[in-house]
Amino acid sequence: MMPHEDWDEPSQPTPPRQLPTVPTTTWAKQMRQIVIRRWQPEPLPEPEVDHDLPQLSAIERSAEVISYTCRRFEYWLSPQGTLREWFKFNLRLALGLAVPAMLVAPLVTLALKQFNEWIDLITRTTSNMVLVPLSAMLVIGLICGLISIGKSILTMRLRQQQQQQRRDPYNY
């Protein structure tokens, strides 16, 4: 007897099917890695007064003094630059969320408005399709009812006339 490939059992056993593994990093860990990669504070240079301050006009001197005061306050709060880096990171994050939201929100609003109009149109069409036959049936029913009432009134009058004729055949 000749061996047949389809009937014979394979000489090597098939390996068991492996289930997909769960990733070792979660979305929180991935976000943390992104923040760590982007977070690179640089130390701030100590603020200095502009050497040309006495030669500047009054408005330019006022602007320079305000700028120096703000830089000195920032240096006092965070000389290593972490405050500036925190502000830049949050500004990037806000822009990264706001720009797509401002671009997508009007489109979603438009789509929902169109969906609402379609639902309203379908509702009105369906109600008209149901109400027109019902109103036609109501009119037909009323007409049939009036005909039936008229017929019964005529029948009652005819019976009364026939009974009167039987009672008084000579119209006394």
N, C-alpha and C. Protein backbone atom coordinates (compact mmCIF):
# COMPACT_ATOMS: atom_id res chain seq x y z
N MET A 1 0.82 -1.17 0.00
CA MET A 1 0.00 0.00 0.00
C MET A 1 0.88 1.24 0.00
N MET A 2 0.46 2.21 -0.76
CA MET A 2 1.29 3.40 -0.91
C MET A 2 0.86 4.44 0.12
N PRO A 3 1.80 5.11 0.76
CA PRO A 3 1.43 6.15 1.73
C PRO A 3 0.88 7.38 1.00
N HIS A 4 -0.08 7.97 1.61
CA HIS A 4 -0.70 9.17 1.04
C HIS A 4 -0.43 10.34 1.98
N GLU A 5 -0.02 11.48 1.40
CA GLU A 5 0.40 12.61 2.22
C GLU A 5 -0.75 13.20 3.03
N ASP A 6 -1.93 13.23 2.47
CA ASP A 6 -3.07 13.84 3.17
C ASP A 6 -3.58 12.96 4.30
N TRP A 7 -3.41 11.64 4.17
CA TRP A 7 -3.96 10.75 5.17
C TRP A 7 -3.01 10.51 6.32
N ASP A 8 -1.74 10.52 6.02
CA ASP A 8 -0.75 10.23 7.06
C ASP A 8 -0.61 11.41 7.99
N GLU A 9 -0.33 11.11 9.23
CA GLU A 9 -0.10 12.17 10.21
C GLU A 9 1.28 12.77 9.96
N PRO A 10 1.42 14.06 10.19
CA PRO A 10 2.73 14.67 9.96
C PRO A 10 3.76 14.12 10.95
N SER A 11 4.97 14.07 10.48
CA SER A 11 6.02 13.51 11.34
C SER A 11 6.39 14.48 12.47
N GLN A 12 6.25 15.79 12.22
CA GLN A 12 6.55 16.77 13.26
C GLN A 12 5.24 17.36 13.80
N PRO A 13 5.10 17.41 15.12
CA PRO A 13 3.86 17.99 15.66
C PRO A 13 3.84 19.50 15.42
N THR A 14 2.63 20.02 15.18
CA THR A 14 2.51 21.47 14.96
C THR A 14 2.69 22.19 16.29
N PRO A 15 3.42 23.30 16.27
CA PRO A 15 3.63 24.04 17.53
C PRO A 15 2.31 24.65 18.00
N PRO A 16 2.11 24.77 19.30
CA PRO A 16 0.87 25.37 19.80
C PRO A 16 0.77 26.83 19.37
N ARG A 17 -0.44 27.26 19.14
CA ARG A 17 -0.68 28.63 18.71
C ARG A 17 -0.45 29.59 19.87
N GLN A 18 0.37 30.59 19.62
CA GLN A 18 0.70 31.54 20.68
C GLN A 18 -0.30 32.69 20.65
N LEU A 19 -0.76 33.05 21.83
CA LEU A 19 -1.66 34.19 21.96
C LEU A 19 -0.86 35.48 21.91
N PRO A 20 -1.46 36.55 21.39
CA PRO A 20 -0.73 37.83 21.37
C PRO A 20 -0.46 38.29 22.80
N THR A 21 0.71 38.82 22.97
CA THR A 21 1.09 39.27 24.31
C THR A 21 0.62 40.70 24.53
N VAL A 22 0.40 41.01 25.76
CA VAL A 22 0.00 42.36 26.13
C VAL A 22 1.24 43.24 26.12
N PRO A 23 1.17 44.43 25.52
CA PRO A 23 2.35 45.29 25.52
C PRO A 23 2.77 45.64 26.94
N THR A 24 4.09 45.71 27.13
CA THR A 24 4.60 45.98 28.47
C THR A 24 4.43 47.43 28.87
N THR A 25 4.23 48.30 27.88
CA THR A 25 4.06 49.72 28.21
C THR A 25 2.60 50.11 28.02
N THR A 26 2.11 50.84 28.96
CA THR A 26 0.75 51.34 28.86
C THR A 26 0.78 52.74 28.25
N TRP A 27 -0.38 53.30 27.98
CA TRP A 27 -0.42 54.64 27.39
C TRP A 27 0.15 55.67 28.35
N ALA A 28 -0.02 55.43 29.67
CA ALA A 28 0.51 56.38 30.65
C ALA A 28 2.04 56.37 30.61
N LYS A 29 2.62 55.18 30.48
CA LYS A 29 4.08 55.09 30.40
C LYS A 29 4.59 55.72 29.10
N GLN A 30 3.85 55.52 28.02
CA GLN A 30 4.25 56.13 26.75
C GLN A 30 4.19 57.65 26.83
N MET A 31 3.15 58.18 27.46
CA MET A 31 3.05 59.63 27.61
C MET A 31 4.17 60.16 28.49
N ARG A 32 4.51 59.41 29.53
CA ARG A 32 5.61 59.82 30.41
C ARG A 32 6.92 59.87 29.63
N GLN A 33 7.15 58.89 28.75
CA GLN A 33 8.36 58.88 27.94
C GLN A 33 8.40 60.08 26.99
N ILE A 34 7.26 60.43 26.43
CA ILE A 34 7.21 61.60 25.54
C ILE A 34 7.53 62.86 26.31
N VAL A 35 6.97 62.98 27.51
CA VAL A 35 7.24 64.18 28.33
C VAL A 35 8.71 64.23 28.70
N ILE A 36 9.28 63.10 29.07
CA ILE A 36 10.70 63.08 29.47
C ILE A 36 11.59 63.47 28.29
N ARG A 37 11.24 62.97 27.08
CA ARG A 37 12.04 63.32 25.91
C ARG A 37 11.95 64.81 25.58
N ARG A 38 10.77 65.40 25.76
CA ARG A 38 10.57 66.80 25.41
C ARG A 38 11.01 67.74 26.53
N TRP A 39 11.07 67.26 27.74
CA TRP A 39 11.38 68.11 28.89
C TRP A 39 12.89 68.31 28.98
N GLN A 40 13.34 69.46 28.54
CA GLN A 40 14.77 69.76 28.57
C GLN A 40 14.96 71.20 29.03
N PRO A 41 14.82 71.44 30.33
CA PRO A 41 15.00 72.81 30.81
C PRO A 41 16.47 73.23 30.72
N GLU A 42 16.66 74.49 30.37
CA GLU A 42 18.01 75.05 30.28
C GLU A 42 18.14 76.12 31.36
N PRO A 43 19.27 76.16 32.04
CA PRO A 43 19.45 77.20 33.06
C PRO A 43 19.37 78.59 32.44
N LEU A 44 18.75 79.50 33.18
CA LEU A 44 18.58 80.87 32.70
C LEU A 44 19.82 81.69 33.01
N PRO A 45 20.22 82.56 32.10
CA PRO A 45 21.32 83.47 32.43
C PRO A 45 20.81 84.53 33.41
N GLU A 46 21.69 84.96 34.27
CA GLU A 46 21.28 85.98 35.25
C GLU A 46 20.97 87.27 34.50
N PRO A 47 19.81 87.88 34.79
CA PRO A 47 19.41 89.08 34.04
C PRO A 47 20.37 90.25 34.31
N GLU A 48 20.60 91.00 33.26
CA GLU A 48 21.48 92.17 33.37
C GLU A 48 20.75 93.39 32.81
N VAL A 49 21.11 94.53 33.34
CA VAL A 49 20.53 95.80 32.87
C VAL A 49 21.23 96.17 31.58
N ASP A 50 20.46 96.70 30.64
CA ASP A 50 21.02 97.13 29.38
C ASP A 50 21.99 98.29 29.62
N HIS A 51 23.18 98.20 29.00
CA HIS A 51 24.20 99.23 29.22
C HIS A 51 23.80 100.56 28.60
N ASP A 52 22.94 100.54 27.61
CA ASP A 52 22.51 101.77 26.93
C ASP A 52 21.25 102.35 27.56
N LEU A 53 20.94 101.95 28.76
CA LEU A 53 19.71 102.41 29.40
C LEU A 53 19.66 103.95 29.53
N PRO A 54 20.72 104.63 29.94
CA PRO A 54 20.63 106.09 30.08
C PRO A 54 20.40 106.81 28.74
N GLN A 55 20.83 106.22 27.63
CA GLN A 55 20.68 106.88 26.34
C GLN A 55 19.30 106.63 25.71
N LEU A 56 18.50 105.70 26.28
CA LEU A 56 17.18 105.37 25.71
C LEU A 56 16.17 106.46 26.05
N SER A 57 15.10 106.52 25.24
CA SER A 57 14.04 107.49 25.52
C SER A 57 13.24 107.00 26.73
N ALA A 58 12.32 107.83 27.22
CA ALA A 58 11.58 107.50 28.43
C ALA A 58 10.74 106.24 28.24
N ILE A 59 10.08 106.10 27.12
CA ILE A 59 9.24 104.91 26.88
C ILE A 59 10.11 103.67 26.73
N GLU A 60 11.23 103.79 26.03
CA GLU A 60 12.13 102.64 25.86
C GLU A 60 12.72 102.23 27.20
N ARG A 61 13.10 103.23 28.05
CA ARG A 61 13.62 102.91 29.40
C ARG A 61 12.56 102.19 30.22
N SER A 62 11.30 102.68 30.15
CA SER A 62 10.21 102.03 30.91
C SER A 62 10.04 100.58 30.45
N ALA A 63 10.06 100.36 29.16
CA ALA A 63 9.91 99.00 28.64
C ALA A 63 11.09 98.14 29.07
N GLU A 64 12.29 98.68 29.03
CA GLU A 64 13.48 97.91 29.43
C GLU A 64 13.44 97.58 30.92
N VAL A 65 12.98 98.51 31.75
CA VAL A 65 12.90 98.26 33.20
C VAL A 65 11.86 97.18 33.49
N ILE A 66 10.73 97.26 32.81
CA ILE A 66 9.70 96.22 33.00
C ILE A 66 10.22 94.86 32.53
N SER A 67 10.90 94.84 31.40
CA SER A 67 11.46 93.59 30.90
C SER A 67 12.50 93.03 31.89
N TYR A 68 13.36 93.87 32.41
CA TYR A 68 14.36 93.44 33.39
C TYR A 68 13.69 92.90 34.65
N THR A 69 12.65 93.58 35.11
CA THR A 69 11.95 93.14 36.33
C THR A 69 11.31 91.77 36.11
N CYS A 70 10.69 91.56 34.95
CA CYS A 70 10.07 90.26 34.66
C CYS A 70 11.12 89.16 34.56
N ARG A 71 12.25 89.45 33.88
CA ARG A 71 13.31 88.44 33.77
C ARG A 71 13.91 88.12 35.14
N ARG A 72 14.06 89.13 35.97
CA ARG A 72 14.60 88.92 37.32
C ARG A 72 13.63 88.09 38.17
N PHE A 73 12.31 88.38 38.05
CA PHE A 73 11.31 87.61 38.78
C PHE A 73 11.32 86.15 38.32
N GLU A 74 11.42 85.94 37.00
CA GLU A 74 11.48 84.56 36.48
C GLU A 74 12.74 83.86 36.98
N TYR A 75 13.86 84.57 36.98
CA TYR A 75 15.11 83.98 37.47
C TYR A 75 15.00 83.67 38.96
N TRP A 76 14.32 84.53 39.70
CA TRP A 76 14.15 84.30 41.14
C TRP A 76 13.28 83.06 41.39
N LEU A 77 12.23 82.86 40.56
CA LEU A 77 11.34 81.71 40.73
C LEU A 77 12.01 80.41 40.31
N SER A 78 12.72 80.45 39.18
CA SER A 78 13.25 79.20 38.64
C SER A 78 14.54 79.47 37.88
N PRO A 79 15.68 79.49 38.56
CA PRO A 79 16.93 79.77 37.86
C PRO A 79 17.36 78.64 36.93
N GLN A 80 16.84 77.41 37.17
CA GLN A 80 17.22 76.29 36.31
C GLN A 80 16.39 76.20 35.03
N GLY A 81 15.37 77.05 34.91
CA GLY A 81 14.58 77.10 33.68
C GLY A 81 13.40 76.14 33.66
N THR A 82 13.08 75.52 34.79
CA THR A 82 11.96 74.56 34.79
C THR A 82 10.61 75.27 34.60
N LEU A 83 10.46 76.47 35.14
CA LEU A 83 9.21 77.20 34.96
C LEU A 83 8.98 77.55 33.49
N ARG A 84 10.01 78.01 32.83
CA ARG A 84 9.91 78.35 31.41
C ARG A 84 9.62 77.09 30.59
N GLU A 85 10.28 76.00 30.93
CA GLU A 85 10.04 74.75 30.21
C GLU A 85 8.62 74.22 30.46
N TRP A 86 8.14 74.36 31.69
CA TRP A 86 6.78 73.93 32.02
C TRP A 86 5.77 74.75 31.22
N PHE A 87 6.01 76.06 31.14
CA PHE A 87 5.11 76.93 30.38
C PHE A 87 5.13 76.57 28.90
N LYS A 88 6.31 76.34 28.32
CA LYS A 88 6.42 75.97 26.91
C LYS A 88 5.74 74.64 26.63
N PHE A 89 5.93 73.68 27.54
CA PHE A 89 5.32 72.36 27.36
C PHE A 89 3.79 72.47 27.38
N ASN A 90 3.27 73.20 28.35
CA ASN A 90 1.81 73.34 28.44
C ASN A 90 1.25 74.15 27.28
N LEU A 91 2.00 75.12 26.79
CA LEU A 91 1.56 75.87 25.62
C LEU A 91 1.52 74.98 24.40
N ARG A 92 2.54 74.14 24.21
CA ARG A 92 2.53 73.18 23.10
C ARG A 92 1.35 72.21 23.23
N LEU A 93 1.13 71.73 24.43
CA LEU A 93 0.03 70.80 24.66
C LEU A 93 -1.32 71.46 24.37
N ALA A 94 -1.49 72.70 24.83
CA ALA A 94 -2.75 73.41 24.59
C ALA A 94 -2.96 73.65 23.10
N LEU A 95 -1.92 74.06 22.40
CA LEU A 95 -2.04 74.26 20.95
C LEU A 95 -2.28 72.95 20.23
N GLY A 96 -1.61 71.89 20.69
CA GLY A 96 -1.79 70.58 20.08
C GLY A 96 -3.20 70.05 20.24
N LEU A 97 -3.86 70.43 21.31
CA LEU A 97 -5.25 70.01 21.51
C LEU A 97 -6.24 71.00 20.91
N ALA A 98 -5.93 72.28 20.98
CA ALA A 98 -6.89 73.30 20.54
C ALA A 98 -7.00 73.38 19.01
N VAL A 99 -5.89 73.27 18.32
CA VAL A 99 -5.93 73.42 16.86
C VAL A 99 -6.77 72.31 16.23
N PRO A 100 -6.53 71.03 16.54
CA PRO A 100 -7.42 70.01 15.96
C PRO A 100 -8.87 70.16 16.41
N ALA A 101 -9.05 70.56 17.66
CA ALA A 101 -10.43 70.73 18.15
C ALA A 101 -11.12 71.85 17.39
N MET A 102 -10.41 72.92 17.11
CA MET A 102 -11.02 74.03 16.37
C MET A 102 -11.26 73.68 14.91
N LEU A 103 -10.46 72.76 14.38
CA LEU A 103 -10.66 72.35 12.99
C LEU A 103 -11.73 71.27 12.87
N VAL A 104 -11.83 70.40 13.87
CA VAL A 104 -12.76 69.27 13.80
C VAL A 104 -14.14 69.63 14.34
N ALA A 105 -14.21 70.45 15.37
CA ALA A 105 -15.49 70.76 16.01
C ALA A 105 -16.51 71.35 15.03
N PRO A 106 -16.15 72.29 14.16
CA PRO A 106 -17.16 72.78 13.21
C PRO A 106 -17.65 71.70 12.25
N LEU A 107 -16.75 70.80 11.85
CA LEU A 107 -17.16 69.73 10.95
C LEU A 107 -18.12 68.77 11.65
N VAL A 108 -17.84 68.46 12.90
CA VAL A 108 -18.73 67.58 13.66
C VAL A 108 -20.08 68.25 13.87
N THR A 109 -20.05 69.55 14.17
CA THR A 109 -21.30 70.29 14.36
C THR A 109 -22.12 70.30 13.08
N LEU A 110 -21.46 70.52 11.95
CA LEU A 110 -22.15 70.51 10.66
C LEU A 110 -22.75 69.13 10.38
N ALA A 111 -21.97 68.08 10.65
CA ALA A 111 -22.48 66.73 10.41
C ALA A 111 -23.68 66.43 11.30
N LEU A 112 -23.63 66.84 12.56
CA LEU A 112 -24.76 66.61 13.46
C LEU A 112 -25.99 67.41 13.02
N LYS A 113 -25.77 68.62 12.53
CA LYS A 113 -26.89 69.43 12.05
C LYS A 113 -27.54 68.77 10.84
N GLN A 114 -26.72 68.30 9.91
CA GLN A 114 -27.26 67.62 8.74
C GLN A 114 -28.00 66.34 9.14
N PHE A 115 -27.45 65.62 10.10
CA PHE A 115 -28.10 64.40 10.59
C PHE A 115 -29.45 64.74 11.21
N ASN A 116 -29.50 65.82 11.96
CA ASN A 116 -30.75 66.26 12.59
C ASN A 116 -31.78 66.62 11.52
N GLU A 117 -31.36 67.31 10.46
CA GLU A 117 -32.28 67.68 9.39
C GLU A 117 -32.80 66.45 8.67
N TRP A 118 -31.93 65.46 8.45
CA TRP A 118 -32.36 64.23 7.79
C TRP A 118 -33.37 63.49 8.66
N ILE A 119 -33.11 63.42 9.96
CA ILE A 119 -34.04 62.74 10.86
C ILE A 119 -35.39 63.46 10.86
N ASP A 120 -35.37 64.80 10.87
CA ASP A 120 -36.61 65.57 10.84
C ASP A 120 -37.37 65.31 9.54
N LEU A 121 -36.66 65.28 8.43
CA LEU A 121 -37.29 65.03 7.14
C LEU A 121 -37.89 63.62 7.10
N ILE A 122 -37.16 62.65 7.58
CA ILE A 122 -37.66 61.27 7.60
C ILE A 122 -38.88 61.16 8.51
N THR A 123 -38.84 61.84 9.65
CA THR A 123 -39.98 61.80 10.58
C THR A 123 -41.22 62.41 9.95
N ARG A 124 -41.06 63.56 9.31
CA ARG A 124 -42.22 64.20 8.68
C ARG A 124 -42.76 63.35 7.53
N THR A 125 -41.86 62.77 6.74
CA THR A 125 -42.30 61.93 5.63
C THR A 125 -43.04 60.70 6.14
N THR A 126 -42.52 60.08 7.15
CA THR A 126 -43.16 58.89 7.72
C THR A 126 -44.51 59.24 8.32
N SER A 127 -44.57 60.35 9.04
CA SER A 127 -45.85 60.72 9.64
C SER A 127 -46.87 61.05 8.54
N ASN A 128 -46.44 61.69 7.46
CA ASN A 128 -47.36 61.97 6.35
C ASN A 128 -47.81 60.67 5.69
N MET A 129 -46.90 59.73 5.55
CA MET A 129 -47.26 58.45 4.94
C MET A 129 -48.25 57.68 5.80
N VAL A 130 -48.21 57.87 7.09
CA VAL A 130 -49.15 57.19 7.99
C VAL A 130 -50.44 57.99 8.10
N LEU A 131 -50.36 59.31 8.19
CA LEU A 131 -51.54 60.13 8.42
C LEU A 131 -52.44 60.24 7.19
N VAL A 132 -51.89 60.25 6.01
CA VAL A 132 -52.72 60.40 4.81
C VAL A 132 -53.67 59.20 4.66
N PRO A 133 -53.19 57.95 4.72
CA PRO A 133 -54.15 56.84 4.64
C PRO A 133 -55.12 56.81 5.82
N LEU A 134 -54.64 57.16 7.02
CA LEU A 134 -55.55 57.17 8.16
C LEU A 134 -56.63 58.22 8.01
N SER A 135 -56.27 59.40 7.52
CA SER A 135 -57.29 60.43 7.32
C SER A 135 -58.24 60.03 6.21
N ALA A 136 -57.74 59.38 5.15
CA ALA A 136 -58.63 58.90 4.08
C ALA A 136 -59.59 57.85 4.63
N MET A 137 -59.09 56.95 5.46
CA MET A 137 -59.95 55.93 6.07
C MET A 137 -60.98 56.59 6.99
N LEU A 138 -60.59 57.62 7.70
CA LEU A 138 -61.52 58.32 8.58
C LEU A 138 -62.63 58.99 7.77
N VAL A 139 -62.28 59.62 6.66
CA VAL A 139 -63.28 60.26 5.81
C VAL A 139 -64.22 59.20 5.24
N ILE A 140 -63.65 58.10 4.76
CA ILE A 140 -64.49 57.03 4.21
C ILE A 140 -65.40 56.48 5.30
N GLY A 141 -64.87 56.30 6.51
CA GLY A 141 -65.69 55.81 7.62
C GLY A 141 -66.80 56.77 7.97
N LEU A 142 -66.51 58.08 7.99
CA LEU A 142 -67.56 59.07 8.27
C LEU A 142 -68.63 59.06 7.19
N ILE A 143 -68.23 58.98 5.95
CA ILE A 143 -69.20 58.93 4.85
C ILE A 143 -70.06 57.68 4.96
N CYS A 144 -69.43 56.54 5.23
CA CYS A 144 -70.20 55.30 5.39
C CYS A 144 -71.15 55.41 6.59
N GLY A 145 -70.68 56.02 7.67
CA GLY A 145 -71.53 56.21 8.84
C GLY A 145 -72.72 57.10 8.52
N LEU A 146 -72.49 58.19 7.80
CA LEU A 146 -73.60 59.08 7.42
C LEU A 146 -74.58 58.38 6.49
N ILE A 147 -74.05 57.62 5.57
CA ILE A 147 -74.93 56.86 4.66
C ILE A 147 -75.76 55.86 5.46
N SER A 148 -75.11 55.18 6.41
CA SER A 148 -75.83 54.21 7.24
C SER A 148 -76.90 54.88 8.08
N ILE A 149 -76.57 56.04 8.67
CA ILE A 149 -77.56 56.77 9.48
C ILE A 149 -78.71 57.24 8.59
N GLY A 150 -78.39 57.78 7.42
CA GLY A 150 -79.43 58.22 6.49
C GLY A 150 -80.31 57.08 6.05
N LYS A 151 -79.71 55.95 5.76
CA LYS A 151 -80.46 54.77 5.35
C LYS A 151 -81.39 54.30 6.46
N SER A 152 -80.88 54.28 7.71
CA SER A 152 -81.72 53.83 8.83
C SER A 152 -82.86 54.82 9.09
N ILE A 153 -82.61 56.11 8.91
CA ILE A 153 -83.68 57.11 9.08
C ILE A 153 -84.76 56.90 8.02
N LEU A 154 -84.34 56.70 6.79
CA LEU A 154 -85.31 56.46 5.71
C LEU A 154 -86.09 55.17 5.95
N THR A 155 -85.37 54.15 6.43
CA THR A 155 -86.04 52.89 6.72
C THR A 155 -87.06 53.06 7.82
N MET A 156 -86.73 53.81 8.87
CA MET A 156 -87.66 54.05 9.97
C MET A 156 -88.89 54.83 9.48
N ARG A 157 -88.72 55.81 8.64
CA ARG A 157 -89.84 56.60 8.12
C ARG A 157 -90.74 55.74 7.24
N LEU A 158 -90.10 54.91 6.43
CA LEU A 158 -90.90 54.03 5.59
C LEU A 158 -91.71 53.06 6.43
N ARG A 159 -91.13 52.52 7.49
CA ARG A 159 -91.85 51.61 8.38
C ARG A 159 -93.01 52.33 9.06
N GLN A 160 -92.76 53.56 9.50
CA GLN A 160 -93.83 54.33 10.15
C GLN A 160 -94.98 54.58 9.18
N GLN A 161 -94.65 54.89 7.96
CA GLN A 161 -95.69 55.14 6.96
C GLN A 161 -96.46 53.86 6.67
N GLN A 162 -95.73 52.73 6.62
CA GLN A 162 -96.40 51.46 6.36
C GLN A 162 -97.30 51.09 7.53
N GLN A 163 -96.84 51.34 8.76
CA GLN A 163 -97.67 51.03 9.93
C GLN A 163 -98.90 51.93 9.97
N GLN A 164 -98.76 53.16 9.61
CA GLN A 164 -99.92 54.07 9.60
C GLN A 164 -100.92 53.63 8.53
N GLN A 165 -100.43 53.16 7.43
CA GLN A 165 -101.33 52.72 6.38
C GLN A 165 -102.05 51.45 6.79
N ARG A 166 -101.43 50.59 7.56
CA ARG A 166 -102.07 49.38 8.02
C ARG A 166 -103.15 49.69 9.06
N ARG A 167 -102.90 50.62 9.93
CA ARG A 167 -103.86 50.98 10.97
C ARG A 167 -105.08 51.68 10.38
N ASP A 168 -104.83 52.54 9.53
CA ASP A 168 -105.93 53.33 8.98
C ASP A 168 -105.91 53.21 7.45
N PRO A 169 -106.50 52.18 6.98
CA PRO A 169 -106.43 52.00 5.54
C PRO A 169 -107.20 53.10 4.80
N TYR A 170 -108.15 53.72 5.45
CA TYR A 170 -108.96 54.73 4.74
C TYR A 170 -108.57 56.15 5.13
N ASN A 171 -107.49 56.28 5.83
CA ASN A 171 -106.97 57.59 6.25
C ASN A 171 -107.98 58.35 7.10
N TYR A 172 -108.57 57.70 8.10
CA TYR A 172 -109.49 58.39 9.02
C TYR A 172 -108.80 58.98 10.14
